[in-house]
Amino acid sequence: MPSDAAQLATIKTQTLAVMADLTVNPKPTYMVDGQMVSWGDYLSQLRATVEWCNAQLAAETPFEIHSRGYP
């Protein structure tokens, strides 16, 4: 099973691919059976997913803290 970081990277890659398709082939907002389908809102949700993935991947990245002791 892939690591959490690998799964997050996959989610990010797939989301970016969907975003690329939406921007190349934009669709209009429309109503179906009284339910509004807003592609602009969908694109905003996809952006939020990418930002979330970035934050999670940054949290997985090892880091160092440099400190200095005083006598």
N, C-alpha and C. Protein backbone atom coordinates (compact mmCIF):
# COMPACT_ATOMS: atom_id res chain seq x y z
N MET A 1 0.86 -1.19 0.00
CA MET A 1 0.00 0.00 0.00
C MET A 1 0.90 1.24 0.00
N PRO A 2 0.56 2.22 -0.83
CA PRO A 2 1.38 3.43 -0.89
C PRO A 2 1.32 4.22 0.42
N SER A 3 2.36 4.99 0.63
CA SER A 3 2.42 5.82 1.84
C SER A 3 1.40 6.95 1.75
N ASP A 4 1.16 7.59 2.89
CA ASP A 4 0.23 8.73 2.91
C ASP A 4 0.68 9.83 1.96
N ALA A 5 1.99 10.10 1.97
CA ALA A 5 2.51 11.15 1.09
C ALA A 5 2.28 10.80 -0.38
N ALA A 6 2.46 9.54 -0.73
CA ALA A 6 2.24 9.11 -2.12
C ALA A 6 0.76 9.24 -2.50
N GLN A 7 -0.12 8.89 -1.57
CA GLN A 7 -1.55 9.03 -1.84
C GLN A 7 -1.95 10.49 -1.98
N LEU A 8 -1.39 11.35 -1.13
CA LEU A 8 -1.67 12.79 -1.25
C LEU A 8 -1.18 13.34 -2.58
N ALA A 9 0.01 12.91 -2.98
CA ALA A 9 0.55 13.36 -4.26
C ALA A 9 -0.33 12.90 -5.42
N THR A 10 -0.87 11.69 -5.33
CA THR A 10 -1.78 11.17 -6.36
C THR A 10 -3.06 11.98 -6.41
N ILE A 11 -3.63 12.27 -5.24
CA ILE A 11 -4.85 13.09 -5.18
C ILE A 11 -4.60 14.45 -5.80
N LYS A 12 -3.47 15.05 -5.47
CA LYS A 12 -3.14 16.37 -6.02
C LYS A 12 -2.99 16.31 -7.54
N THR A 13 -2.30 15.30 -8.03
CA THR A 13 -2.09 15.15 -9.47
C THR A 13 -3.42 14.96 -10.20
N GLN A 14 -4.29 14.12 -9.65
CA GLN A 14 -5.59 13.87 -10.28
C GLN A 14 -6.46 15.13 -10.27
N THR A 15 -6.41 15.87 -9.16
CA THR A 15 -7.20 17.10 -9.06
C THR A 15 -6.70 18.14 -10.06
N LEU A 16 -5.39 18.26 -10.18
CA LEU A 16 -4.83 19.21 -11.15
C LEU A 16 -5.21 18.82 -12.58
N ALA A 17 -5.28 17.53 -12.87
CA ALA A 17 -5.68 17.09 -14.21
C ALA A 17 -7.14 17.47 -14.49
N VAL A 18 -8.01 17.31 -13.50
CA VAL A 18 -9.42 17.70 -13.67
C VAL A 18 -9.51 19.21 -13.86
N MET A 19 -8.72 19.96 -13.10
CA MET A 19 -8.73 21.43 -13.23
C MET A 19 -8.26 21.84 -14.63
N ALA A 20 -7.24 21.19 -15.13
CA ALA A 20 -6.73 21.51 -16.46
C ALA A 20 -7.81 21.26 -17.51
N ASP A 21 -8.52 20.15 -17.38
CA ASP A 21 -9.59 19.83 -18.33
C ASP A 21 -10.72 20.86 -18.25
N LEU A 22 -11.08 21.27 -17.03
CA LEU A 22 -12.15 22.26 -16.87
C LEU A 22 -11.78 23.62 -17.46
N THR A 23 -10.52 23.99 -17.36
CA THR A 23 -10.12 25.29 -17.89
C THR A 23 -9.97 25.26 -19.41
N VAL A 24 -9.61 24.09 -19.96
CA VAL A 24 -9.50 23.96 -21.42
C VAL A 24 -10.88 23.84 -22.05
N ASN A 25 -11.77 23.11 -21.39
CA ASN A 25 -13.12 22.89 -21.89
C ASN A 25 -14.15 23.40 -20.87
N PRO A 26 -14.27 24.72 -20.72
CA PRO A 26 -15.20 25.24 -19.71
C PRO A 26 -16.64 24.87 -20.03
N LYS A 27 -17.40 24.70 -18.97
CA LYS A 27 -18.82 24.35 -19.12
C LYS A 27 -19.66 25.43 -18.47
N PRO A 28 -20.86 25.65 -18.97
CA PRO A 28 -21.73 26.68 -18.38
C PRO A 28 -22.39 26.19 -17.09
N THR A 29 -22.83 27.14 -16.29
CA THR A 29 -23.63 26.81 -15.12
C THR A 29 -25.05 26.54 -15.61
N TYR A 30 -25.69 25.51 -15.05
CA TYR A 30 -27.04 25.17 -15.51
C TYR A 30 -27.84 24.55 -14.36
N MET A 31 -29.13 24.36 -14.61
CA MET A 31 -30.02 23.75 -13.62
C MET A 31 -30.54 22.43 -14.18
N VAL A 32 -30.58 21.40 -13.33
CA VAL A 32 -31.13 20.10 -13.69
C VAL A 32 -32.09 19.70 -12.59
N ASP A 33 -33.35 19.54 -12.94
CA ASP A 33 -34.38 19.14 -11.98
C ASP A 33 -34.36 20.03 -10.73
N GLY A 34 -34.17 21.31 -10.93
CA GLY A 34 -34.17 22.27 -9.83
C GLY A 34 -32.86 22.35 -9.06
N GLN A 35 -31.84 21.61 -9.48
CA GLN A 35 -30.55 21.65 -8.80
C GLN A 35 -29.55 22.39 -9.67
N MET A 36 -28.89 23.38 -9.08
CA MET A 36 -27.91 24.21 -9.81
C MET A 36 -26.57 23.49 -9.87
N VAL A 37 -25.99 23.45 -11.05
CA VAL A 37 -24.65 22.90 -11.25
C VAL A 37 -23.76 24.08 -11.65
N SER A 38 -22.88 24.47 -10.74
CA SER A 38 -22.01 25.62 -10.98
C SER A 38 -20.57 25.14 -11.15
N TRP A 39 -20.05 25.28 -12.35
CA TRP A 39 -18.69 24.82 -12.61
C TRP A 39 -17.66 25.73 -11.97
N GLY A 40 -18.00 27.00 -11.76
CA GLY A 40 -17.09 27.91 -11.07
C GLY A 40 -16.90 27.48 -9.62
N ASP A 41 -18.00 27.08 -8.97
CA ASP A 41 -17.91 26.58 -7.59
C ASP A 41 -17.11 25.28 -7.54
N TYR A 42 -17.32 24.42 -8.52
CA TYR A 42 -16.59 23.16 -8.58
C TYR A 42 -15.09 23.42 -8.72
N LEU A 43 -14.73 24.38 -9.56
CA LEU A 43 -13.32 24.73 -9.75
C LEU A 43 -12.74 25.28 -8.45
N SER A 44 -13.51 26.06 -7.71
CA SER A 44 -13.06 26.58 -6.41
C SER A 44 -12.82 25.44 -5.43
N GLN A 45 -13.69 24.44 -5.44
CA GLN A 45 -13.51 23.28 -4.55
C GLN A 45 -12.26 22.50 -4.93
N LEU A 46 -12.00 22.39 -6.22
CA LEU A 46 -10.79 21.69 -6.66
C LEU A 46 -9.54 22.45 -6.22
N ARG A 47 -9.58 23.77 -6.31
CA ARG A 47 -8.44 24.58 -5.84
C ARG A 47 -8.21 24.37 -4.35
N ALA A 48 -9.28 24.32 -3.59
CA ALA A 48 -9.16 24.09 -2.15
C ALA A 48 -8.56 22.71 -1.87
N THR A 49 -8.91 21.72 -2.68
CA THR A 49 -8.34 20.39 -2.51
C THR A 49 -6.84 20.40 -2.76
N VAL A 50 -6.41 21.11 -3.79
CA VAL A 50 -4.97 21.21 -4.08
C VAL A 50 -4.25 21.92 -2.94
N GLU A 51 -4.83 22.99 -2.43
CA GLU A 51 -4.22 23.71 -1.30
C GLU A 51 -4.12 22.80 -0.08
N TRP A 52 -5.17 22.01 0.18
CA TRP A 52 -5.15 21.08 1.30
C TRP A 52 -4.05 20.04 1.12
N CYS A 53 -3.93 19.51 -0.09
CA CYS A 53 -2.87 18.53 -0.37
C CYS A 53 -1.50 19.15 -0.15
N ASN A 54 -1.32 20.38 -0.60
CA ASN A 54 -0.04 21.06 -0.40
C ASN A 54 0.28 21.19 1.08
N ALA A 55 -0.71 21.56 1.88
CA ALA A 55 -0.50 21.72 3.33
C ALA A 55 -0.16 20.38 3.97
N GLN A 56 -0.86 19.32 3.57
CA GLN A 56 -0.59 18.00 4.15
C GLN A 56 0.79 17.50 3.75
N LEU A 57 1.17 17.73 2.50
CA LEU A 57 2.50 17.31 2.05
C LEU A 57 3.59 18.10 2.75
N ALA A 58 3.36 19.38 2.99
CA ALA A 58 4.34 20.21 3.70
C ALA A 58 4.50 19.72 5.13
N ALA A 59 3.42 19.26 5.73
CA ALA A 59 3.48 18.76 7.10
C ALA A 59 4.25 17.43 7.17
N GLU A 60 4.26 16.69 6.08
CA GLU A 60 4.97 15.40 6.03
C GLU A 60 6.47 15.59 5.80
N THR A 61 6.86 16.77 5.31
CA THR A 61 8.25 17.03 4.98
C THR A 61 9.08 17.15 6.26
N PRO A 62 10.20 16.44 6.34
CA PRO A 62 11.04 16.56 7.53
C PRO A 62 11.62 17.98 7.63
N PHE A 63 11.87 18.39 8.85
CA PHE A 63 12.43 19.72 9.05
C PHE A 63 13.38 19.69 10.24
N GLU A 64 14.19 20.72 10.34
CA GLU A 64 15.13 20.85 11.45
C GLU A 64 14.85 22.17 12.15
N ILE A 65 15.07 22.16 13.44
CA ILE A 65 14.98 23.40 14.21
C ILE A 65 16.36 23.68 14.75
N HIS A 66 16.89 24.84 14.43
CA HIS A 66 18.20 25.23 14.93
C HIS A 66 17.97 26.16 16.11
N SER A 67 18.59 25.81 17.21
CA SER A 67 18.48 26.67 18.38
C SER A 67 19.84 26.80 19.03
N ARG A 68 19.96 27.77 19.86
CA ARG A 68 21.22 28.03 20.52
C ARG A 68 20.95 28.16 22.02
N GLY A 69 21.74 27.47 22.79
CA GLY A 69 21.62 27.58 24.24
C GLY A 69 22.51 28.69 24.78
N TYR A 70 22.08 29.33 25.81
CA TYR A 70 22.87 30.37 26.46
C TYR A 70 23.33 29.89 27.82
N PRO A 71 24.62 30.12 28.15
CA PRO A 71 25.12 29.67 29.45
C PRO A 71 24.59 30.51 30.60
